Amino acid sequence: PGLCHQVSVDENGQEPLSMRVSEAMATVVKNDPHEI
């Protein structure tokens, strides 16, 4: 913690894991998920 951006477990399990990874990366690089 502090060295990385962390996304906790998806409690509902509705969103595909690949989409959650893409959204997390977009947050880190401060860009739209469709632009990375």
Full PDB file with SEQRES, HELIX, SHEET, SSBOND, CRYST1, ORIGX, SCALE, CONECT and MASTER records, all heavy atoms in Angstrom:
SEQRES   1 A   36  PRO GLY LEU CYS HIS GLN VAL SER VAL ASP GLU ASN GLY          
SEQRES   2 A   36  GLN GLU PRO LEU SER MET ARG VAL SER GLU ALA MET ALA          
SEQRES   3 A   36  THR VAL VAL LYS ASN ASP PRO HIS GLU ILE                      
HELIX    1 AA1 LEU A   17  VAL A   29  1                                  13    
CRYST1    1.000    1.000    1.000  90.00  90.00  90.00 P 1           1          
ORIGX1      1.000000  0.000000  0.000000        0.00000                         
ORIGX2      0.000000  1.000000  0.000000        0.00000                         
ORIGX3      0.000000  0.000000  1.000000        0.00000                         
SCALE1      1.000000  0.000000  0.000000        0.00000                         
SCALE2      0.000000  1.000000  0.000000        0.00000                         
SCALE3      0.000000  0.000000  1.000000        0.00000                         
ATOM      1  N   PRO A   1       0.843  -1.208   0.000  1.00  0.00           N  
ATOM      2  CA  PRO A   1       0.000   0.000   0.000  1.00  0.00           C  
ATOM      3  C   PRO A   1       0.875   1.254   0.000  1.00  0.00           C  
ATOM      4  O   PRO A   1       1.874   1.328   0.681  1.00  0.00           O  
ATOM      5  CB  PRO A   1      -0.785  -0.130   1.314  1.00  0.00           C  
ATOM      6  CG  PRO A   1      -0.811  -1.604   1.596  1.00  0.00           C  
ATOM      7  CD  PRO A   1       0.506  -2.137   1.089  1.00  0.00           C  
ATOM      8  N   GLY A   2       0.500   2.208  -0.774  1.00  0.00           N  
ATOM      9  CA  GLY A   2       1.283   3.428  -0.899  1.00  0.00           C  
ATOM     10  C   GLY A   2       2.176   3.408  -2.126  1.00  0.00           C  
ATOM     11  O   GLY A   2       2.543   4.466  -2.657  1.00  0.00           O  
ATOM     12  N   LEU A   3       2.543   2.207  -2.590  1.00  0.00           N  
ATOM     13  CA  LEU A   3       3.357   2.081  -3.792  1.00  0.00           C  
ATOM     14  C   LEU A   3       2.520   1.732  -5.010  1.00  0.00           C  
ATOM     15  O   LEU A   3       3.033   1.694  -6.127  1.00  0.00           O  
ATOM     16  CB  LEU A   3       4.434   0.999  -3.599  1.00  0.00           C  
ATOM     17  CG  LEU A   3       5.448   1.239  -2.482  1.00  0.00           C  
ATOM     18  CD1 LEU A   3       6.414   0.062  -2.388  1.00  0.00           C  
ATOM     19  CD2 LEU A   3       6.209   2.537  -2.720  1.00  0.00           C  
ATOM     20  N   CYS A   4       1.251   1.455  -4.781  1.00  0.00           N  
ATOM     21  CA  CYS A   4       0.421   1.024  -5.896  1.00  0.00           C  
ATOM     22  C   CYS A   4      -1.027   1.455  -5.697  1.00  0.00           C  
ATOM     23  O   CYS A   4      -1.446   1.827  -4.596  1.00  0.00           O  
ATOM     24  CB  CYS A   4       0.503  -0.498  -6.068  1.00  0.00           C  
ATOM     25  SG  CYS A   4      -0.231  -1.411  -4.696  1.00  0.00           S  
ATOM     26  N   HIS A   5      -1.766   1.387  -6.781  1.00  0.00           N  
ATOM     27  CA  HIS A   5      -3.207   1.612  -6.747  1.00  0.00           C  
ATOM     28  C   HIS A   5      -3.871   0.245  -6.576  1.00  0.00           C  
ATOM     29  O   HIS A   5      -3.588  -0.693  -7.321  1.00  0.00           O  
ATOM     30  CB  HIS A   5      -3.670   2.268  -8.055  1.00  0.00           C  
ATOM     31  CG  HIS A   5      -5.147   2.401  -8.185  1.00  0.00           C  
ATOM     32  ND1 HIS A   5      -5.889   3.316  -7.462  1.00  0.00           N  
ATOM     33  CD2 HIS A   5      -6.040   1.721  -8.959  1.00  0.00           C  
ATOM     34  CE1 HIS A   5      -7.162   3.203  -7.792  1.00  0.00           C  
ATOM     35  NE2 HIS A   5      -7.282   2.246  -8.704  1.00  0.00           N  
ATOM     36  N   GLN A   6      -4.743   0.124  -5.577  1.00  0.00           N  
ATOM     37  CA  GLN A   6      -5.371  -1.153  -5.298  1.00  0.00           C  
ATOM     38  C   GLN A   6      -6.887  -1.053  -5.440  1.00  0.00           C  
ATOM     39  O   GLN A   6      -7.496  -0.072  -5.018  1.00  0.00           O  
ATOM     40  CB  GLN A   6      -5.025  -1.644  -3.890  1.00  0.00           C  
ATOM     41  CG  GLN A   6      -3.556  -2.034  -3.737  1.00  0.00           C  
ATOM     42  CD  GLN A   6      -3.261  -2.667  -2.383  1.00  0.00           C  
ATOM     43  OE1 GLN A   6      -3.893  -2.318  -1.391  1.00  0.00           O  
ATOM     44  NE2 GLN A   6      -2.302  -3.576  -2.345  1.00  0.00           N  
ATOM     45  N   VAL A   7      -7.455  -2.087  -6.044  1.00  0.00           N  
ATOM     46  CA  VAL A   7      -8.899  -2.190  -6.195  1.00  0.00           C  
ATOM     47  C   VAL A   7      -9.337  -3.424  -5.430  1.00  0.00           C  
ATOM     48  O   VAL A   7      -8.818  -4.525  -5.652  1.00  0.00           O  
ATOM     49  CB  VAL A   7      -9.308  -2.317  -7.680  1.00  0.00           C  
ATOM     50  CG1 VAL A   7     -10.821  -2.437  -7.798  1.00  0.00           C  
ATOM     51  CG2 VAL A   7      -8.792  -1.131  -8.468  1.00  0.00           C  
ATOM     52  N   SER A   8     -10.265  -3.249  -4.514  1.00  0.00           N  
ATOM     53  CA  SER A   8     -10.699  -4.356  -3.660  1.00  0.00           C  
ATOM     54  C   SER A   8     -11.567  -5.335  -4.431  1.00  0.00           C  
ATOM     55  O   SER A   8     -11.920  -5.116  -5.599  1.00  0.00           O  
ATOM     56  CB  SER A   8     -11.445  -3.823  -2.441  1.00  0.00           C  
ATOM     57  OG  SER A   8     -12.580  -3.084  -2.848  1.00  0.00           O  
ATOM     58  N   VAL A   9     -11.930  -6.393  -3.763  1.00  0.00           N  
ATOM     59  CA  VAL A   9     -12.717  -7.461  -4.372  1.00  0.00           C  
ATOM     60  C   VAL A   9     -14.088  -6.930  -4.794  1.00  0.00           C  
ATOM     61  O   VAL A   9     -14.713  -6.145  -4.085  1.00  0.00           O  
ATOM     62  CB  VAL A   9     -12.884  -8.628  -3.372  1.00  0.00           C  
ATOM     63  CG1 VAL A   9     -13.743  -9.729  -3.973  1.00  0.00           C  
ATOM     64  CG2 VAL A   9     -11.537  -9.158  -2.958  1.00  0.00           C  
ATOM     65  N   ASP A  10     -14.541  -7.370  -5.967  1.00  0.00           N  
ATOM     66  CA  ASP A  10     -15.869  -7.021  -6.446  1.00  0.00           C  
ATOM     67  C   ASP A  10     -16.881  -7.920  -5.739  1.00  0.00           C  
ATOM     68  O   ASP A  10     -17.040  -9.095  -6.081  1.00  0.00           O  
ATOM     69  CB  ASP A  10     -15.941  -7.222  -7.968  1.00  0.00           C  
ATOM     70  CG  ASP A  10     -17.313  -6.879  -8.538  1.00  0.00           C  
ATOM     71  OD1 ASP A  10     -18.126  -6.288  -7.803  1.00  0.00           O  
ATOM     72  OD2 ASP A  10     -17.566  -7.211  -9.716  1.00  0.00           O  
ATOM     73  N   GLU A  11     -17.544  -7.381  -4.731  1.00  0.00           N  
ATOM     74  CA  GLU A  11     -18.428  -8.187  -3.903  1.00  0.00           C  
ATOM     75  C   GLU A  11     -19.594  -8.754  -4.701  1.00  0.00           C  
ATOM     76  O   GLU A  11     -20.063  -9.861  -4.459  1.00  0.00           O  
ATOM     77  CB  GLU A  11     -18.958  -7.348  -2.724  1.00  0.00           C  
ATOM     78  CG  GLU A  11     -17.876  -6.848  -1.784  1.00  0.00           C  
ATOM     79  CD  GLU A  11     -17.201  -7.979  -1.019  1.00  0.00           C  
ATOM     80  OE1 GLU A  11     -17.755  -9.100  -0.997  1.00  0.00           O  
ATOM     81  OE2 GLU A  11     -16.129  -7.739  -0.435  1.00  0.00           O  
ATOM     82  N   ASN A  12     -20.104  -7.991  -5.663  1.00  0.00           N  
ATOM     83  CA  ASN A  12     -21.256  -8.444  -6.443  1.00  0.00           C  
ATOM     84  C   ASN A  12     -20.868  -9.421  -7.546  1.00  0.00           C  
ATOM     85  O   ASN A  12     -21.671 -10.247  -7.966  1.00  0.00           O  
ATOM     86  CB  ASN A  12     -21.983  -7.242  -7.057  1.00  0.00           C  
ATOM     87  CG  ASN A  12     -22.548  -6.307  -5.993  1.00  0.00           C  
ATOM     88  OD1 ASN A  12     -23.025  -6.769  -4.964  1.00  0.00           O  
ATOM     89  ND2 ASN A  12     -22.492  -4.998  -6.247  1.00  0.00           N  
ATOM     90  N   GLY A  13     -19.599  -9.325  -8.008  1.00  0.00           N  
ATOM     91  CA  GLY A  13     -19.125 -10.237  -9.038  1.00  0.00           C  
ATOM     92  C   GLY A  13     -19.811 -10.057 -10.380  1.00  0.00           C  
ATOM     93  O   GLY A  13     -19.853 -10.984 -11.196  1.00  0.00           O  
ATOM     94  N   GLN A  14     -20.372  -8.881 -10.635  1.00  0.00           N  
ATOM     95  CA  GLN A  14     -21.118  -8.653 -11.864  1.00  0.00           C  
ATOM     96  C   GLN A  14     -20.218  -8.216 -13.022  1.00  0.00           C  
ATOM     97  O   GLN A  14     -20.505  -8.517 -14.171  1.00  0.00           O  
ATOM     98  CB  GLN A  14     -22.197  -7.577 -11.621  1.00  0.00           C  
ATOM     99  CG  GLN A  14     -23.200  -7.953 -10.537  1.00  0.00           C  
ATOM    100  CD  GLN A  14     -24.035  -9.156 -10.912  1.00  0.00           C  
ATOM    101  OE1 GLN A  14     -24.412  -9.330 -12.061  1.00  0.00           O  
ATOM    102  NE2 GLN A  14     -24.306 -10.011  -9.938  1.00  0.00           N  
ATOM    103  N   GLU A  15     -19.157  -7.503 -12.719  1.00  0.00           N  
ATOM    104  CA  GLU A  15     -18.309  -6.922 -13.760  1.00  0.00           C  
ATOM    105  C   GLU A  15     -17.172  -7.874 -14.119  1.00  0.00           C  
ATOM    106  O   GLU A  15     -16.494  -8.395 -13.224  1.00  0.00           O  
ATOM    107  CB  GLU A  15     -17.742  -5.589 -13.268  1.00  0.00           C  
ATOM    108  CG  GLU A  15     -17.148  -4.736 -14.361  1.00  0.00           C  
ATOM    109  CD  GLU A  15     -16.773  -3.360 -13.838  1.00  0.00           C  
ATOM    110  OE1 GLU A  15     -16.396  -3.255 -12.658  1.00  0.00           O  
ATOM    111  OE2 GLU A  15     -16.861  -2.393 -14.616  1.00  0.00           O  
ATOM    112  N   PRO A  16     -16.939  -8.142 -15.403  1.00  0.00           N  
ATOM    113  CA  PRO A  16     -15.824  -9.027 -15.786  1.00  0.00           C  
ATOM    114  C   PRO A  16     -14.501  -8.498 -15.250  1.00  0.00           C  
ATOM    115  O   PRO A  16     -14.278  -7.287 -15.168  1.00  0.00           O  
ATOM    116  CB  PRO A  16     -15.863  -8.997 -17.316  1.00  0.00           C  
ATOM    117  CG  PRO A  16     -17.260  -8.600 -17.666  1.00  0.00           C  
ATOM    118  CD  PRO A  16     -17.697  -7.684 -16.565  1.00  0.00           C  
ATOM    119  N   LEU A  17     -13.614  -9.421 -14.891  1.00  0.00           N  
ATOM    120  CA  LEU A  17     -12.334  -9.046 -14.315  1.00  0.00           C  
ATOM    121  C   LEU A  17     -11.524  -8.181 -15.271  1.00  0.00           C  
ATOM    122  O   LEU A  17     -10.865  -7.222 -14.855  1.00  0.00           O  
ATOM    123  CB  LEU A  17     -11.559 -10.316 -13.943  1.00  0.00           C  
ATOM    124  CG  LEU A  17     -10.260 -10.145 -13.169  1.00  0.00           C  
ATOM    125  CD1 LEU A  17     -10.474  -9.339 -11.897  1.00  0.00           C  
ATOM    126  CD2 LEU A  17      -9.672 -11.512 -12.827  1.00  0.00           C  
ATOM    127  N   SER A  18     -11.554  -8.485 -16.557  1.00  0.00           N  
ATOM    128  CA  SER A  18     -10.783  -7.704 -17.533  1.00  0.00           C  
ATOM    129  C   SER A  18     -11.259  -6.251 -17.579  1.00  0.00           C  
ATOM    130  O   SER A  18     -10.447  -5.325 -17.735  1.00  0.00           O  
ATOM    131  CB  SER A  18     -10.900  -8.338 -18.924  1.00  0.00           C  
ATOM    132  OG  SER A  18     -12.257  -8.403 -19.340  1.00  0.00           O  
ATOM    133  N   MET A  19     -12.560  -6.032 -17.421  1.00  0.00           N  
ATOM    134  CA  MET A  19     -13.077  -4.661 -17.421  1.00  0.00           C  
ATOM    135  C   MET A  19     -12.638  -3.924 -16.159  1.00  0.00           C  
ATOM    136  O   MET A  19     -12.287  -2.733 -16.222  1.00  0.00           O  
ATOM    137  CB  MET A  19     -14.604  -4.682 -17.525  1.00  0.00           C  
ATOM    138  CG  MET A  19     -15.238  -3.308 -17.672  1.00  0.00           C  
ATOM    139  SD  MET A  19     -17.028  -3.399 -17.931  1.00  0.00           S  
ATOM    140  CE  MET A  19     -17.078  -4.285 -19.491  1.00  0.00           C  
ATOM    141  N   ARG A  20     -12.618  -4.603 -15.034  1.00  0.00           N  
ATOM    142  CA  ARG A  20     -12.171  -3.978 -13.790  1.00  0.00           C  
ATOM    143  C   ARG A  20     -10.696  -3.596 -13.881  1.00  0.00           C  
ATOM    144  O   ARG A  20     -10.281  -2.541 -13.387  1.00  0.00           O  
ATOM    145  CB  ARG A  20     -12.392  -4.925 -12.615  1.00  0.00           C  
ATOM    146  CG  ARG A  20     -13.858  -5.215 -12.321  1.00  0.00           C  
ATOM    147  CD  ARG A  20     -14.013  -6.168 -11.155  1.00  0.00           C  
ATOM    148  NE  ARG A  20     -13.405  -5.632  -9.956  1.00  0.00           N  
ATOM    149  CZ  ARG A  20     -12.618  -6.317  -9.141  1.00  0.00           C  
ATOM    150  NH1 ARG A  20     -12.319  -7.586  -9.408  1.00  0.00           N  
ATOM    151  NH2 ARG A  20     -12.112  -5.761  -8.060  1.00  0.00           N  
ATOM    152  N   VAL A  21      -9.875  -4.456 -14.516  1.00  0.00           N  
ATOM    153  CA  VAL A  21      -8.454  -4.143 -14.698  1.00  0.00           C  
ATOM    154  C   VAL A  21      -8.298  -2.909 -15.594  1.00  0.00           C  
ATOM    155  O   VAL A  21      -7.488  -2.013 -15.307  1.00  0.00           O  
ATOM    156  CB  VAL A  21      -7.707  -5.346 -15.300  1.00  0.00           C  
ATOM    157  CG1 VAL A  21      -6.284  -4.959 -15.688  1.00  0.00           C  
ATOM    158  CG2 VAL A  21      -7.689  -6.510 -14.313  1.00  0.00           C  
ATOM    159  N   SER A  22      -9.077  -2.839 -16.676  1.00  0.00           N  
ATOM    160  CA  SER A  22      -8.992  -1.699 -17.595  1.00  0.00           C  
ATOM    161  C   SER A  22      -9.381  -0.397 -16.901  1.00  0.00           C  
ATOM    162  O   SER A  22      -8.729   0.642 -17.071  1.00  0.00           O  
ATOM    163  CB  SER A  22      -9.895  -1.936 -18.809  1.00  0.00           C  
ATOM    164  OG  SER A  22      -9.470  -3.054 -19.553  1.00  0.00           O  
ATOM    165  N   GLU A  23     -10.426  -0.445 -16.100  1.00  0.00           N  
ATOM    166  CA  GLU A  23     -10.855   0.759 -15.385  1.00  0.00           C  
ATOM    167  C   GLU A  23      -9.825   1.177 -14.350  1.00  0.00           C  
ATOM    168  O   GLU A  23      -9.573   2.375 -14.151  1.00  0.00           O  
ATOM    169  CB  GLU A  23     -12.209   0.489 -14.717  1.00  0.00           C  
ATOM    170  CG  GLU A  23     -13.345   0.321 -15.720  1.00  0.00           C  
ATOM    171  CD  GLU A  23     -14.632  -0.118 -15.064  1.00  0.00           C  
ATOM    172  OE1 GLU A  23     -14.584  -0.505 -13.863  1.00  0.00           O  
ATOM    173  OE2 GLU A  23     -15.687  -0.106 -15.735  1.00  0.00           O  
ATOM    174  N   ALA A  24      -9.181   0.192 -13.688  1.00  0.00           N  
ATOM    175  CA  ALA A  24      -8.152   0.520 -12.700  1.00  0.00           C  
ATOM    176  C   ALA A  24      -6.942   1.163 -13.373  1.00  0.00           C  
ATOM    177  O   ALA A  24      -6.370   2.131 -12.859  1.00  0.00           O  
ATOM    178  CB  ALA A  24      -7.723  -0.742 -11.953  1.00  0.00           C  
ATOM    179  N   MET A  25      -6.536   0.638 -14.539  1.00  0.00           N  
ATOM    180  CA  MET A  25      -5.397   1.217 -15.246  1.00  0.00           C  
ATOM    181  C   MET A  25      -5.717   2.630 -15.720  1.00  0.00           C  
ATOM    182  O   MET A  25      -4.860   3.537 -15.656  1.00  0.00           O  
ATOM    183  CB  MET A  25      -5.007   0.340 -16.436  1.00  0.00           C  
ATOM    184  CG  MET A  25      -3.815   0.877 -17.231  1.00  0.00           C  
ATOM    185  SD  MET A  25      -2.308   1.058 -16.225  1.00  0.00           S  
ATOM    186  CE  MET A  25      -1.842  -0.672 -16.058  1.00  0.00           C  
ATOM    187  N   ALA A  26      -6.933   2.848 -16.183  1.00  0.00           N  
ATOM    188  CA  ALA A  26      -7.318   4.188 -16.620  1.00  0.00           C  
ATOM    189  C   ALA A  26      -7.210   5.181 -15.469  1.00  0.00           C  
ATOM    190  O   ALA A  26      -6.819   6.339 -15.655  1.00  0.00           O  
ATOM    191  CB  ALA A  26      -8.739   4.162 -17.178  1.00  0.00           C  
ATOM    192  N   THR A  27      -7.541   4.754 -14.273  1.00  0.00           N  
ATOM    193  CA  THR A  27      -7.417   5.620 -13.095  1.00  0.00           C  
ATOM    194  C   THR A  27      -5.959   5.952 -12.814  1.00  0.00           C  
ATOM    195  O   THR A  27      -5.623   7.100 -12.504  1.00  0.00           O  
ATOM    196  CB  THR A  27      -8.038   4.932 -11.868  1.00  0.00           C  
ATOM    197  OG1 THR A  27      -9.420   4.678 -12.111  1.00  0.00           O  
ATOM    198  CG2 THR A  27      -7.884   5.788 -10.624  1.00  0.00           C  
ATOM    199  N   VAL A  28      -5.070   4.955 -12.934  1.00  0.00           N  
ATOM    200  CA  VAL A  28      -3.647   5.163 -12.648  1.00  0.00           C  
ATOM    201  C   VAL A  28      -3.018   6.122 -13.650  1.00  0.00           C  
ATOM    202  O   VAL A  28      -2.263   7.029 -13.279  1.00  0.00           O  
ATOM    203  CB  VAL A  28      -2.897   3.810 -12.637  1.00  0.00           C  
ATOM    204  CG1 VAL A  28      -1.393   4.037 -12.560  1.00  0.00           C  
ATOM    205  CG2 VAL A  28      -3.360   2.951 -11.463  1.00  0.00           C  
ATOM    206  N   VAL A  29      -3.311   5.935 -14.943  1.00  0.00           N  
ATOM    207  CA  VAL A  29      -2.675   6.765 -15.976  1.00  0.00           C  
ATOM    208  C   VAL A  29      -3.482   8.024 -16.265  1.00  0.00           C  
ATOM    209  O   VAL A  29      -3.102   8.818 -17.138  1.00  0.00           O  
ATOM    210  CB  VAL A  29      -2.469   5.961 -17.278  1.00  0.00           C  
ATOM    211  CG1 VAL A  29      -1.557   4.769 -17.020  1.00  0.00           C  
ATOM    212  CG2 VAL A  29      -3.798   5.503 -17.872  1.00  0.00           C  
ATOM    213  N   LYS A  30      -4.621   8.179 -15.538  1.00  0.00           N  
ATOM    214  CA  LYS A  30      -5.456   9.383 -15.667  1.00  0.00           C  
ATOM    215  C   LYS A  30      -5.899   9.591 -17.117  1.00  0.00           C  
ATOM    216  O   LYS A  30      -5.646  10.640 -17.745  1.00  0.00           O  
ATOM    217  CB  LYS A  30      -4.716  10.614 -15.153  1.00  0.00           C  
ATOM    218  CG  LYS A  30      -4.371  10.542 -13.669  1.00  0.00           C  
ATOM    219  CD  LYS A  30      -3.619  11.790 -13.219  1.00  0.00           C  
ATOM    220  CE  LYS A  30      -3.364  11.769 -11.728  1.00  0.00           C  
ATOM    221  NZ  LYS A  30      -2.588  10.597 -11.273  1.00  0.00           N  
ATOM    222  N   ASN A  31      -6.546   8.570 -17.634  1.00  0.00           N  
ATOM    223  CA  ASN A  31      -7.014   8.623 -19.007  1.00  0.00           C  
ATOM    224  C   ASN A  31      -8.322   7.858 -19.116  1.00  0.00           C  
ATOM    225  O   ASN A  31      -8.720   7.123 -18.205  1.00  0.00           O  
ATOM    226  CB  ASN A  31      -5.972   8.015 -19.958  1.00  0.00           C  
ATOM    227  CG  ASN A  31      -6.070   8.581 -21.358  1.00  0.00           C  
ATOM    228  OD1 ASN A  31      -7.118   9.079 -21.768  1.00  0.00           O  
ATOM    229  ND2 ASN A  31      -4.973   8.497 -22.104  1.00  0.00           N  
ATOM    230  N   ASP A  32      -9.005   8.029 -20.221  1.00  0.00           N  
ATOM    231  CA  ASP A  32     -10.244   7.297 -20.468  1.00  0.00           C  
ATOM    232  C   ASP A  32      -9.910   5.849 -20.807  1.00  0.00           C  
ATOM    233  O   ASP A  32      -8.939   5.595 -21.525  1.00  0.00           O  
ATOM    234  CB  ASP A  32     -11.002   7.952 -21.638  1.00  0.00           C  
ATOM    235  CG  ASP A  32     -12.371   7.324 -21.838  1.00  0.00           C  
ATOM    236  OD1 ASP A  32     -12.433   6.268 -22.506  1.00  0.00           O  
ATOM    237  OD2 ASP A  32     -13.356   7.876 -21.334  1.00  0.00           O  
ATOM    238  N   PRO A  33     -10.670   4.876 -20.291  1.00  0.00           N  
ATOM    239  CA  PRO A  33     -10.384   3.469 -20.592  1.00  0.00           C  
ATOM    240  C   PRO A  33     -10.309   3.171 -22.080  1.00  0.00           C  
ATOM    241  O   PRO A  33      -9.583   2.250 -22.498  1.00  0.00           O  
ATOM    242  CB  PRO A  33     -11.556   2.725 -19.930  1.00  0.00           C  
ATOM    243  CG  PRO A  33     -12.022   3.628 -18.849  1.00  0.00           C  
ATOM    244  CD  PRO A  33     -11.811   5.019 -19.361  1.00  0.00           C  
ATOM    245  N   HIS A  34     -11.033   3.927 -22.899  1.00  0.00           N  
ATOM    246  CA  HIS A  34     -11.027   3.688 -24.351  1.00  0.00           C  
ATOM    247  C   HIS A  34      -9.827   4.324 -25.037  1.00  0.00           C  
ATOM    248  O   HIS A  34      -9.593   4.068 -26.225  1.00  0.00           O  
ATOM    249  CB  HIS A  34     -12.326   4.221 -24.971  1.00  0.00           C  
ATOM    250  CG  HIS A  34     -13.567   3.580 -24.415  1.00  0.00           C  
ATOM    251  ND1 HIS A  34     -13.924   2.281 -24.671  1.00  0.00           N  
ATOM    252  CD2 HIS A  34     -14.529   4.087 -23.583  1.00  0.00           C  
ATOM    253  CE1 HIS A  34     -15.055   1.990 -24.042  1.00  0.00           C  
ATOM    254  NE2 HIS A  34     -15.444   3.070 -23.368  1.00  0.00           N  
ATOM    255  N   GLU A  35      -9.070   5.147 -24.320  1.00  0.00           N  
ATOM    256  CA  GLU A  35      -7.938   5.846 -24.917  1.00  0.00           C  
ATOM    257  C   GLU A  35      -6.604   5.165 -24.630  1.00  0.00           C  
ATOM    258  O   GLU A  35      -5.584   5.522 -25.216  1.00  0.00           O  
ATOM    259  CB  GLU A  35      -7.887   7.295 -24.396  1.00  0.00           C  
ATOM    260  CG  GLU A  35      -9.113   8.125 -24.728  1.00  0.00           C  
ATOM    261  CD  GLU A  35      -9.304   8.294 -26.236  1.00  0.00           C  
ATOM    262  OE1 GLU A  35      -8.273   8.388 -26.953  1.00  0.00           O  
ATOM    263  OE2 GLU A  35     -10.452   8.334 -26.684  1.00  0.00           O  
ATOM    264  N   ILE A  36      -6.575   4.208 -23.722  1.00  0.00           N  
ATOM    265  CA  ILE A  36      -5.315   3.521 -23.402  1.00  0.00           C  
ATOM    266  C   ILE A  36      -5.143   2.309 -24.311  1.00  0.00           C  
ATOM    267  O   ILE A  36      -6.121   1.811 -24.888  1.00  0.00           O  
ATOM    268  CB  ILE A  36      -5.292   3.082 -21.918  1.00  0.00           C  
ATOM    269  CG1 ILE A  36      -6.441   2.113 -21.611  1.00  0.00           C  
ATOM    270  CG2 ILE A  36      -5.360   4.283 -21.003  1.00  0.00           C  
ATOM    271  CD1 ILE A  36      -6.460   1.622 -20.178  1.00  0.00           C  
TER     272      ILE A  36                                                      
MASTER        0    0    0    1    0    0    0    6  271    1    0    3          
END                                                                             
